[in-house]
Protein backbone atom coordinates (compact mmCIF):
# COMPACT_ATOMS: atom_id res chain seq x y z
CA UNK A 1 184.56 -108.83 32.61
CA UNK A 2 181.37 -110.59 32.32
CA UNK A 3 178.12 -110.20 30.12
CA UNK A 4 175.59 -107.95 32.45
CA UNK A 5 172.77 -107.02 30.22
CA UNK A 6 170.10 -109.22 28.17
CA UNK A 7 169.97 -107.26 24.92
CA UNK A 8 166.50 -106.53 23.40
CA UNK A 9 167.74 -107.67 19.80
CA UNK A 10 166.70 -111.10 18.71
CA UNK A 11 169.88 -112.45 16.88
CA UNK A 12 172.84 -110.96 18.34
CA UNK A 13 175.02 -113.62 17.00
CA UNK A 14 174.01 -113.18 13.29
CA UNK A 15 174.28 -110.67 10.61
CA UNK A 16 171.43 -109.48 8.46
CA UNK A 17 172.27 -110.30 4.73
CA UNK A 18 169.68 -110.82 2.01
CA UNK A 19 166.82 -110.96 3.93
CA UNK A 20 168.19 -113.56 6.17
CA UNK A 21 169.81 -113.85 9.71
CA UNK A 22 173.26 -115.45 8.75
CA UNK A 23 176.35 -116.73 11.00
CA UNK A 24 179.42 -114.76 10.50
CA UNK A 25 181.98 -116.58 8.23
CA UNK A 26 184.44 -117.02 11.36
CA UNK A 27 181.93 -117.44 14.13
CA UNK A 28 183.95 -114.18 15.63
CA UNK A 29 181.97 -112.00 18.13
CA UNK A 30 182.65 -108.39 19.38
CA UNK A 31 182.48 -107.54 23.00
CA UNK A 32 180.33 -104.34 23.40
CA UNK A 33 181.80 -102.70 26.84
CA UNK A 34 179.31 -100.72 28.99
CA UNK A 35 181.18 -97.35 29.46
CA UNK A 36 179.83 -96.56 32.91
CA UNK A 37 181.13 -100.06 34.65
CA UNK A 38 183.80 -100.89 32.38
CA UNK A 39 182.24 -104.54 31.91
CA UNK A 40 180.95 -106.66 28.88
CA UNK A 41 177.22 -105.45 28.66
CA UNK A 42 176.61 -108.11 25.30
CA UNK A 43 178.12 -109.64 22.30
CA UNK A 44 177.19 -109.43 18.80
CA UNK A 45 178.48 -111.11 15.50
CA UNK A 46 181.46 -109.61 13.72
CA UNK A 47 181.48 -109.33 10.02
CA UNK A 48 184.73 -110.31 8.22
CA UNK A 49 185.73 -109.11 4.48
CA UNK A 50 183.98 -112.59 3.44
CA UNK A 51 180.81 -111.31 5.07
CA UNK A 52 180.99 -107.76 3.75
CA UNK A 53 181.37 -109.09 0.24
CA UNK A 54 177.97 -111.27 0.76
CA UNK A 55 176.26 -108.33 1.81
CA UNK A 56 177.35 -106.26 -1.10
CA UNK A 57 176.52 -108.91 -3.38
CA UNK A 58 172.94 -109.46 -1.75
CA UNK A 59 172.43 -105.67 -2.15
CA UNK A 60 173.60 -105.51 -5.77
CA UNK A 61 171.25 -108.30 -6.83
CA UNK A 62 168.35 -106.72 -5.07
CA UNK A 63 169.32 -103.43 -7.13
CA UNK A 64 170.08 -105.15 -10.52
CA UNK A 65 167.31 -107.85 -10.43
CA UNK A 66 164.88 -107.03 -7.62
CA UNK A 67 161.81 -105.10 -7.50
CA UNK A 68 162.88 -102.18 -5.22
CA UNK A 69 164.31 -99.81 -7.93
CA UNK A 70 161.56 -100.30 -10.14
CA UNK A 71 158.83 -99.34 -7.44
CA UNK A 72 157.22 -96.01 -7.89
CA UNK A 73 158.49 -93.46 -5.20
CA UNK A 74 154.91 -93.62 -3.68
CA UNK A 75 155.26 -97.49 -3.50
CA UNK A 76 158.60 -97.18 -1.59
CA UNK A 77 157.16 -94.56 0.74
CA UNK A 78 154.54 -97.09 2.07
CA UNK A 79 157.25 -99.28 2.92
CA UNK A 80 158.83 -96.31 4.75
CA UNK A 81 155.73 -95.49 6.69
CA UNK A 82 155.51 -99.25 7.87
CA UNK A 83 159.48 -99.17 9.10
CA UNK A 84 158.59 -95.77 10.83
CA UNK A 85 155.76 -97.54 12.68
CA UNK A 86 157.80 -100.59 13.63
CA UNK A 87 160.81 -98.10 15.07
CA UNK A 88 158.03 -96.51 17.14
CA UNK A 89 157.24 -99.71 18.83
CA UNK A 90 161.00 -100.36 19.75
CA UNK A 91 161.73 -96.93 21.66
CA UNK A 92 161.89 -98.76 24.92
CA UNK A 93 164.39 -101.18 23.89
CA UNK A 94 166.54 -98.56 22.47
CA UNK A 95 166.39 -96.29 25.54
CA UNK A 96 167.70 -99.44 27.58
CA UNK A 97 170.39 -100.57 24.95
CA UNK A 98 172.22 -97.22 23.84
CA UNK A 99 173.22 -95.99 27.50
CA UNK A 100 174.90 -99.33 27.84
CA UNK A 101 176.79 -98.83 24.28
CA UNK A 102 177.77 -95.42 24.32
CA UNK A 103 177.27 -93.98 27.94
CA UNK A 104 174.56 -91.48 26.81
CA UNK A 105 172.04 -90.44 29.33
CA UNK A 106 168.92 -92.79 29.26
CA UNK A 107 166.47 -89.38 28.87
CA UNK A 108 168.76 -88.31 25.95
CA UNK A 109 168.74 -91.85 24.51
CA UNK A 110 164.93 -92.06 24.58
CA UNK A 111 164.60 -88.81 23.08
CA UNK A 112 166.78 -89.83 20.12
CA UNK A 113 165.17 -93.10 19.71
CA UNK A 114 161.46 -91.44 19.72
CA UNK A 115 162.57 -89.44 16.60
CA UNK A 116 163.76 -92.20 14.50
CA UNK A 117 160.25 -92.89 13.11
CA UNK A 118 159.86 -89.23 12.12
CA UNK A 119 162.83 -89.14 9.82
CA UNK A 120 161.35 -92.33 8.01
CA UNK A 121 158.08 -90.48 7.70
CA UNK A 122 159.56 -87.29 6.60
CA UNK A 123 161.25 -89.02 3.61
CA UNK A 124 158.14 -91.00 2.69
CA UNK A 125 156.13 -87.61 2.50
CA UNK A 126 158.84 -86.29 -0.13
CA UNK A 127 157.52 -89.02 -2.54
CA UNK A 128 154.47 -86.75 -3.38
CA UNK A 129 156.51 -83.48 -2.98
CA UNK A 130 159.99 -84.28 -4.47
CA UNK A 131 160.22 -83.87 -8.36
CA UNK A 132 161.53 -87.30 -9.29
CA UNK A 133 160.59 -86.43 -12.77
CA UNK A 134 160.20 -82.89 -14.47
CA UNK A 135 159.06 -82.01 -17.98
CA UNK A 136 161.08 -79.60 -20.14
CA UNK A 137 160.76 -78.32 -23.41
CA UNK A 138 163.76 -79.54 -25.30
CA UNK A 139 166.29 -76.66 -26.60
CA UNK A 140 167.65 -76.32 -29.99
CA UNK A 141 170.11 -78.94 -29.95
CA UNK A 142 168.28 -81.46 -28.17
CA UNK A 143 165.52 -82.28 -30.43
CA UNK A 144 162.13 -83.97 -29.65
CA UNK A 145 158.85 -82.81 -28.29
CA UNK A 146 159.35 -83.55 -24.77
CA UNK A 147 162.37 -83.46 -22.48
CA UNK A 148 162.35 -85.01 -19.12
CA UNK A 149 164.74 -84.69 -16.21
CA UNK A 150 164.28 -87.98 -14.34
CA UNK A 151 165.77 -88.81 -10.84
CA UNK A 152 166.91 -92.42 -10.61
CA UNK A 153 168.78 -94.22 -7.85
CA UNK A 154 172.38 -94.08 -7.51
CA UNK A 155 172.73 -97.98 -7.00
CA UNK A 156 173.85 -99.75 -3.96
CA UNK A 157 174.89 -97.75 -0.90
CA UNK A 158 177.59 -98.32 1.72
CA UNK A 159 176.26 -96.45 4.86
CA UNK A 160 178.87 -96.39 7.55
CA UNK A 161 177.62 -94.91 10.79
CA UNK A 162 179.72 -93.85 13.93
CA UNK A 163 179.22 -94.85 17.45
CA UNK A 164 178.09 -91.48 18.74
CA UNK A 165 174.85 -91.23 17.07
CA UNK A 166 174.12 -94.38 15.26
CA UNK A 167 170.54 -93.91 15.48
CA UNK A 168 169.36 -90.63 14.04
CA UNK A 169 172.46 -90.78 11.77
CA UNK A 170 171.72 -94.12 10.51
CA UNK A 171 168.14 -92.84 9.90
CA UNK A 172 169.32 -90.20 7.82
CA UNK A 173 171.34 -92.47 5.45
CA UNK A 174 169.07 -95.19 5.38
CA UNK A 175 165.56 -93.46 4.79
CA UNK A 176 166.56 -91.25 1.92
CA UNK A 177 168.41 -94.05 0.23
CA UNK A 178 165.52 -96.20 0.43
CA UNK A 179 163.11 -93.58 -0.97
CA UNK A 180 165.29 -92.85 -3.86
CA UNK A 181 165.16 -96.82 -4.64
CA UNK A 182 168.68 -97.54 -3.55
CA UNK A 183 170.03 -100.61 -1.75
CA UNK A 184 171.78 -100.43 1.58
CA UNK A 185 174.66 -102.08 3.45
CA UNK A 186 174.51 -100.68 6.96
CA UNK A 187 177.63 -100.74 8.56
CA UNK A 188 177.23 -100.31 12.43
CA UNK A 189 180.22 -99.73 14.55
CA UNK A 190 181.53 -102.22 16.97
CA UNK A 191 180.87 -99.89 20.01
CA UNK A 192 177.16 -99.19 19.46
CA UNK A 193 175.38 -101.86 17.24
CA UNK A 194 171.95 -102.34 18.73
CA UNK A 195 170.07 -99.79 16.54
CA UNK A 196 171.49 -101.82 13.43
CA UNK A 197 169.80 -104.85 14.91
CA UNK A 198 166.66 -103.12 15.40
CA UNK A 199 166.68 -101.79 11.82
CA UNK A 200 167.19 -105.15 10.50
CA UNK A 201 164.40 -106.71 12.58
CA UNK A 202 162.16 -103.83 11.45
CA UNK A 203 162.80 -104.70 7.77
CA UNK A 204 162.23 -108.32 8.47
CA UNK A 205 159.06 -107.37 10.10
CA UNK A 206 157.52 -105.26 7.53
CA UNK A 207 158.52 -107.49 4.57
CA UNK A 208 160.99 -105.46 2.83
CA UNK A 209 162.28 -107.12 -0.05
CA UNK A 210 165.38 -109.42 0.38
CA UNK A 211 168.55 -107.68 -0.04
CA UNK A 212 167.11 -104.09 -0.14
CA UNK A 213 168.65 -103.52 3.53
CA UNK A 214 171.52 -105.53 4.96
CA UNK A 215 173.04 -104.80 8.42
CA UNK A 216 176.54 -105.84 9.73
CA UNK A 217 178.67 -104.79 12.49
CA UNK A 218 182.63 -104.88 11.67
CA UNK A 219 185.91 -103.41 12.53
CA UNK A 220 188.48 -101.47 10.37
CA UNK A 221 189.56 -104.21 8.03
CA UNK A 222 186.28 -105.31 6.98
CA UNK A 223 184.88 -101.79 6.61
CA UNK A 224 187.62 -101.01 4.43
CA UNK A 225 186.62 -103.82 2.17
CA UNK A 226 183.20 -102.49 2.03
CA UNK A 227 184.45 -99.11 1.04
CA UNK A 228 186.58 -100.45 -1.73
CA UNK A 229 184.34 -102.93 -3.29
CA UNK A 230 183.40 -102.07 -6.79
CA UNK A 231 180.08 -103.21 -6.72
CA UNK A 232 179.20 -100.41 -4.10
CA UNK A 233 178.15 -97.32 -6.24
CA UNK A 234 177.98 -94.80 -3.30
CA UNK A 235 179.81 -94.43 0.11
CA UNK A 236 177.90 -92.25 3.01
CA UNK A 237 180.14 -92.00 6.03
CA UNK A 238 180.03 -89.99 9.19
CA UNK A 239 183.04 -90.04 11.46
CA UNK A 240 186.73 -89.04 11.79
CA UNK A 241 188.55 -86.61 9.40
CA UNK A 242 191.28 -89.19 9.04
CA UNK A 243 189.00 -91.82 7.77
CA UNK A 244 187.13 -89.63 5.73
CA UNK A 245 190.03 -88.45 3.85
CA UNK A 246 190.95 -92.37 3.30
CA UNK A 247 187.71 -93.06 1.92
CA UNK A 248 187.38 -90.03 -0.06
CA UNK A 249 190.72 -91.29 -1.85
CA UNK A 250 189.30 -94.68 -2.17
CA UNK A 251 186.03 -93.36 -3.90
CA UNK A 252 187.95 -90.83 -6.07
CA UNK A 253 190.24 -93.78 -7.66
CA UNK A 254 186.88 -95.44 -9.20
CA UNK A 255 185.04 -92.26 -9.08
CA UNK A 256 182.29 -93.54 -6.72
CA UNK A 257 179.87 -91.19 -5.33
CA UNK A 258 180.60 -90.18 -1.64
CA UNK A 259 179.14 -87.96 1.17
CA UNK A 260 181.26 -87.29 3.92
CA UNK A 261 180.08 -85.85 7.49
CA UNK A 262 183.32 -85.34 9.52
CA UNK A 263 184.74 -83.60 12.56
CA UNK A 264 184.13 -80.01 13.97
CA UNK A 265 185.71 -77.45 16.37
CA UNK A 266 182.63 -75.22 16.48
CA UNK A 267 182.69 -71.61 17.91
CA UNK A 268 180.04 -69.78 19.84
CA UNK A 269 180.30 -66.08 19.70
CA UNK A 270 178.87 -64.41 22.92
CA UNK A 271 178.50 -60.65 21.61
CA UNK A 272 178.53 -57.74 23.99
CA UNK A 273 174.84 -57.35 24.54
CA UNK A 274 174.14 -60.77 25.71
CA UNK A 275 173.96 -62.02 29.30
CA UNK A 276 177.09 -63.85 30.25
CA UNK A 277 175.38 -66.08 32.87
CA UNK A 278 172.57 -67.09 30.55
CA UNK A 279 175.00 -67.76 27.80
CA UNK A 280 177.06 -69.82 30.24
CA UNK A 281 174.02 -72.15 31.24
CA UNK A 282 172.86 -72.58 27.70
CA UNK A 283 176.45 -73.74 26.54
CA UNK A 284 177.10 -75.98 29.49
CA UNK A 285 173.78 -77.80 28.89
CA UNK A 286 174.70 -78.47 25.28
CA UNK A 287 178.33 -79.65 26.18
CA UNK A 288 177.12 -82.52 28.42
CA UNK A 289 175.26 -84.15 25.51
CA UNK A 290 177.12 -87.60 25.25
CA UNK A 291 179.76 -86.12 27.33
CA UNK A 292 180.97 -83.69 24.57
CA UNK A 293 181.64 -86.71 21.98
CA UNK A 294 179.31 -84.68 19.37
CA UNK A 295 180.62 -83.48 15.96
CA UNK A 296 178.73 -80.31 16.01
CA UNK A 297 179.41 -79.21 19.84
CA UNK A 298 180.68 -75.71 20.15
CA UNK A 299 183.55 -76.22 22.06
CA UNK A 300 185.37 -73.03 21.07
CA UNK A 301 183.54 -69.86 23.22
CA UNK A 302 184.72 -66.44 21.92
CA UNK A 303 183.98 -63.54 24.09
CA UNK A 304 185.12 -60.11 24.19
CA UNK A 305 188.34 -59.67 26.13
CA UNK A 306 186.78 -57.31 28.67
CA UNK A 307 184.17 -59.91 29.62
CA UNK A 308 186.44 -62.89 29.36
CA UNK A 309 187.11 -63.34 32.97
CA UNK A 310 183.39 -62.87 33.94
CA UNK A 311 182.36 -65.32 31.44
CA UNK A 312 184.87 -68.04 32.54
CA UNK A 313 183.55 -67.80 36.17
CA UNK A 314 180.14 -68.30 35.11
CA UNK A 315 181.12 -71.07 32.77
CA UNK A 316 182.91 -72.79 35.38
CA UNK A 317 180.17 -72.53 37.63
CA UNK A 318 177.34 -74.09 35.13
CA UNK A 319 179.59 -76.66 33.47
CA UNK A 320 182.19 -77.47 36.08
CA UNK A 321 179.17 -77.96 38.59
CA UNK A 322 177.37 -80.67 36.55
CA UNK A 323 176.72 -84.01 38.33
CA UNK A 324 178.72 -87.00 36.50
CA UNK A 325 177.17 -90.27 36.94
CA UNK A 326 175.44 -93.37 35.88
CA UNK A 327 173.45 -92.52 32.62
CA UNK A 328 170.43 -94.71 34.28
CA UNK A 329 170.56 -92.46 37.38
CA UNK A 330 167.99 -89.67 36.97
CA UNK A 331 170.26 -87.31 38.85
CA UNK A 332 173.05 -87.36 36.57
CA UNK A 333 173.59 -84.65 34.19
CA UNK A 334 176.64 -86.02 32.39
CA UNK A 335 177.60 -89.78 31.71
CA UNK A 336 181.05 -91.36 30.83
CA UNK A 337 182.79 -91.09 27.36
CA UNK A 338 182.88 -94.10 25.25
CA UNK A 339 185.93 -96.08 26.30
CA UNK A 340 189.18 -96.15 28.01
CA UNK A 341 191.11 -95.27 24.82
CA UNK A 342 189.05 -92.00 24.56
CA UNK A 343 189.28 -91.07 27.96
CA UNK A 344 193.03 -91.33 27.76
CA UNK A 345 193.03 -89.12 24.43
CA UNK A 346 191.19 -86.51 26.15
CA UNK A 347 193.07 -86.51 29.50
CA UNK A 348 196.23 -86.05 27.07
CA UNK A 349 194.65 -83.24 25.12
CA UNK A 350 193.99 -81.39 28.80
CA UNK A 351 197.48 -81.98 29.73
CA UNK A 352 198.49 -80.28 26.60
CA UNK A 353 196.47 -77.34 26.83
CA UNK A 354 197.90 -76.95 30.42
CA UNK A 355 201.34 -77.22 28.91
CA UNK A 356 200.52 -74.72 26.19
CA UNK A 357 199.42 -72.06 28.74
CA UNK A 358 195.93 -71.95 29.02
CA UNK A 359 194.38 -71.81 32.54
CA UNK A 360 192.50 -74.64 33.96
CA UNK A 361 189.24 -73.05 35.25
CA UNK A 362 187.12 -76.23 36.01
CA UNK A 363 187.63 -80.06 35.96
CA UNK A 364 190.73 -81.29 34.46
CA UNK A 365 190.58 -84.97 36.03
CA UNK A 366 188.19 -88.05 36.70
CA UNK A 367 185.39 -87.40 39.20
CA UNK A 368 186.61 -88.45 42.79
CA UNK A 369 183.57 -90.34 43.53
CA UNK A 370 183.49 -92.78 40.64
CA UNK A 371 185.88 -95.50 41.00
CA UNK A 372 184.96 -97.35 37.82
CA UNK A 373 183.72 -96.29 34.36
CA UNK A 374 185.05 -94.05 31.75
CA UNK A 375 184.21 -90.85 33.27
CA UNK A 376 185.97 -87.23 32.83
CA UNK A 377 185.33 -84.06 34.53
CA UNK A 378 183.39 -81.29 32.72
CA UNK A 379 186.51 -79.26 32.01
CA UNK A 380 187.02 -75.32 31.09
CA UNK A 381 189.88 -73.71 29.89
CA UNK A 382 190.39 -69.94 30.01
CA UNK A 383 192.84 -67.45 28.22
CA UNK A 384 193.29 -69.95 25.32
CA UNK A 385 195.23 -68.88 22.40
CA UNK A 386 193.09 -69.50 19.22
CA UNK A 387 196.18 -71.10 17.46
CA UNK A 388 196.74 -73.59 20.23
CA UNK A 389 195.83 -77.33 19.74
CA UNK A 390 192.95 -77.31 22.42
CA UNK A 391 191.48 -74.50 20.14
CA UNK A 392 192.16 -76.08 16.67
CA UNK A 393 192.07 -79.69 17.42
CA UNK A 394 188.67 -81.90 17.74
CA UNK A 395 188.97 -83.36 21.39
CA UNK A 396 185.61 -85.11 21.38
CA UNK A 397 184.95 -84.84 25.08
CA UNK A 398 183.67 -82.40 27.73
CA UNK A 399 186.47 -79.75 27.27
CA UNK A 400 185.63 -76.28 26.43
CA UNK A 401 188.10 -73.58 25.19
CA UNK A 402 187.15 -69.83 26.15
CA UNK A 403 189.15 -67.50 23.81
CA UNK A 404 189.35 -63.80 24.06
CA UNK A 405 188.38 -61.44 21.21
CA UNK A 406 189.17 -57.67 20.52
CA UNK A 407 185.65 -56.53 19.18
CA UNK A 408 183.10 -58.52 16.87
CA UNK A 409 185.32 -58.42 13.72
CA UNK A 410 188.20 -60.29 15.34
CA UNK A 411 185.60 -62.68 17.08
CA UNK A 412 184.28 -63.77 13.59
CA UNK A 413 187.77 -64.00 12.34
CA UNK A 414 188.88 -66.27 15.06
CA UNK A 415 185.64 -68.30 14.73
CA UNK A 416 186.60 -68.87 10.91
CA UNK A 417 190.38 -69.47 11.59
CA UNK A 418 190.02 -73.30 11.65
CA UNK A 419 190.05 -76.17 9.22
CA UNK A 420 186.57 -77.15 10.29
CA UNK A 421 183.12 -75.47 9.46
CA UNK A 422 180.31 -77.73 10.77
CA UNK A 423 178.52 -75.67 13.36
CA UNK A 424 178.38 -72.23 15.01
CA UNK A 425 176.41 -70.22 17.21
CA UNK A 426 175.73 -66.50 18.02
CA UNK A 427 174.55 -65.13 21.24
CA UNK A 428 172.90 -61.62 20.70
CA UNK A 429 169.61 -60.21 21.51
CA UNK A 430 169.54 -58.33 18.18
CA UNK A 431 168.47 -60.62 15.44
CA UNK A 432 169.65 -58.52 12.57
CA UNK A 433 173.08 -58.49 13.99
CA UNK A 434 172.81 -62.10 14.60
CA UNK A 435 172.00 -62.81 10.92
CA UNK A 436 174.42 -60.51 9.66
CA UNK A 437 177.28 -62.44 11.80
CA UNK A 438 175.80 -65.80 10.61
CA UNK A 439 176.34 -64.75 7.28
CA UNK A 440 179.92 -63.96 7.72
CA UNK A 441 180.76 -67.34 9.42
CA UNK A 442 182.15 -70.34 7.41
CA UNK A 443 179.90 -73.05 8.76
CA UNK A 444 177.26 -75.53 7.72
CA UNK A 445 175.01 -74.29 10.48
CA UNK A 446 174.64 -71.31 12.50
CA UNK A 447 172.29 -71.35 15.73
CA UNK A 448 171.09 -68.11 17.22
CA UNK A 449 171.40 -68.15 21.03
CA UNK A 450 171.79 -71.84 21.16
CA UNK A 451 173.72 -74.83 19.88
CA UNK A 452 171.28 -75.79 17.32
CA UNK A 453 170.92 -78.01 14.36
CA UNK A 454 168.47 -79.16 11.99
CA UNK A 455 168.52 -81.81 9.88
CA UNK A 456 165.05 -81.76 8.61
CA UNK A 457 166.33 -78.81 6.62
CA UNK A 458 170.14 -79.70 6.24
CA UNK A 459 173.23 -80.65 8.15
CA UNK A 460 176.74 -80.73 6.91
CA UNK A 461 179.92 -78.61 7.12
CA UNK A 462 182.37 -76.35 5.15
CA UNK A 463 186.08 -76.95 4.68
CA UNK A 464 187.27 -80.20 5.98
CA UNK A 465 183.99 -81.06 7.87
CA UNK A 466 182.89 -82.89 5.12
CA UNK A 467 181.20 -83.13 1.73
CA UNK A 468 177.64 -82.89 0.82
CA UNK A 469 174.46 -82.63 3.34
CA UNK A 470 172.35 -85.02 5.16
CA UNK A 471 168.71 -84.40 5.96
CA UNK A 472 165.86 -82.79 4.32
CA UNK A 473 165.50 -82.56 0.40
CA UNK A 474 169.20 -81.80 0.36
CA UNK A 475 170.00 -85.27 2.01
CA UNK A 476 167.89 -87.12 -0.58
CA UNK A 477 169.69 -85.66 -3.65
CA UNK A 478 173.13 -87.56 -3.19
CA UNK A 479 171.18 -90.76 -3.70
CA UNK A 480 169.84 -89.91 -6.76
CA UNK A 481 171.25 -89.54 -10.53
CA UNK A 482 169.79 -87.17 -13.13
CA UNK A 483 168.76 -88.64 -16.37
CA UNK A 484 167.99 -86.66 -19.38
CA UNK A 485 165.35 -88.30 -21.39
CA UNK A 486 164.36 -86.78 -24.96
CA UNK A 487 161.34 -88.02 -26.50
CA UNK A 488 158.98 -87.51 -29.60
CA UNK A 489 156.13 -87.08 -27.05
CA UNK A 490 154.89 -87.32 -23.77
CA UNK A 491 154.34 -90.97 -22.13
CA UNK A 492 151.11 -91.79 -20.54
CA UNK A 493 153.14 -92.42 -17.46
CA UNK A 494 156.22 -90.89 -15.91
CA UNK A 495 156.31 -92.08 -12.16
């Protein structure tokens, strides 16, 4: 393998700690492999446990001694708007880098990168609308003349982001934490570190106070050290259920605050009044995003038994017919998966689905025209038992399972028969019916006639899909602690 890409990041051999670019303690570097070519695209510094401790210490000092928590929300919002403007200038850089990390199509990469600034601007706007201080009349046991409910920053935040959406997920962790007055250690995944470097360069460019945002890339051991560090007040994590459970246990041991956005096995219900070909096209278009490596992807497709075969035929044509190839090729409709290991896991799940009796209706292998790269064919299974592994376990790849149901009530029951509850979709032309079904689904988000999520409102899951919400006002609250202040009179300043 050889390095094939000149990265747009300026200090790939450094970590951003305490407002400075510092060499990793051991000088170790991480090879970032390009999924479409299986070659090393570029290398970045690898943080060790010692580096992680330094990053936490910098964030701790910035919170305990620095100006950031003591600025008003409006003052912090000014920095967030500068952050947004700088991110807007880096869209092209990210559109070039992220397909080489994750295999996402360049068109999707550019679209995601162009949204980053809007996340920071949205939280900046909350400085004026969110009630950081609320005035109350003290009750009979409180005493005093004025009661104030004050929202203060939770403290030092460890923000751990995944490789499959590090930009927007990183933004939805970092922006509200900064508005709240927290300081942050942003831990980037080894597979996709570029956006973290851009965040660090942005913090440097706008003069964010030292230690307010620290950015490190690390593997498992150093990441565990970050989560376990007693100087970290809150952990916000997006990733697998197995890691999420471990983090929850660690945080529970010292009662640290935690937000978890975990896996999904989301269902789409195609009701009896909706056109099957239209539903198949919509679902196929959604399922191709990042080659199905999306936590909220609807991969369980539930349709009435009488229409099952017709829907499978339409879906096999729409999804199975996608053009798989180079993410920089404008003709490509789906790129590779992230790694050889992930491809092997997906292939294992496909083989298990066949062994369990599901009918392979499309795909199931590697594209014959692509000799290199971690590519998997868009795959459709029919006649899937809802209790089978491919219907219950998160595959994280381009594999769709069509599940027959006996009427609407059975479809809802099958949708809810899962340990997950992150996303769902209801396909029907009757809006009232869609709303009624949505209220019966145990899911954090339900879309109507499409696979939809909206983090400007809130994003998160029921059951084992996580704890807490990200995005919107709901995504700001986890970075705040409520304090009750009882005074004899009203102070001149409360902000």
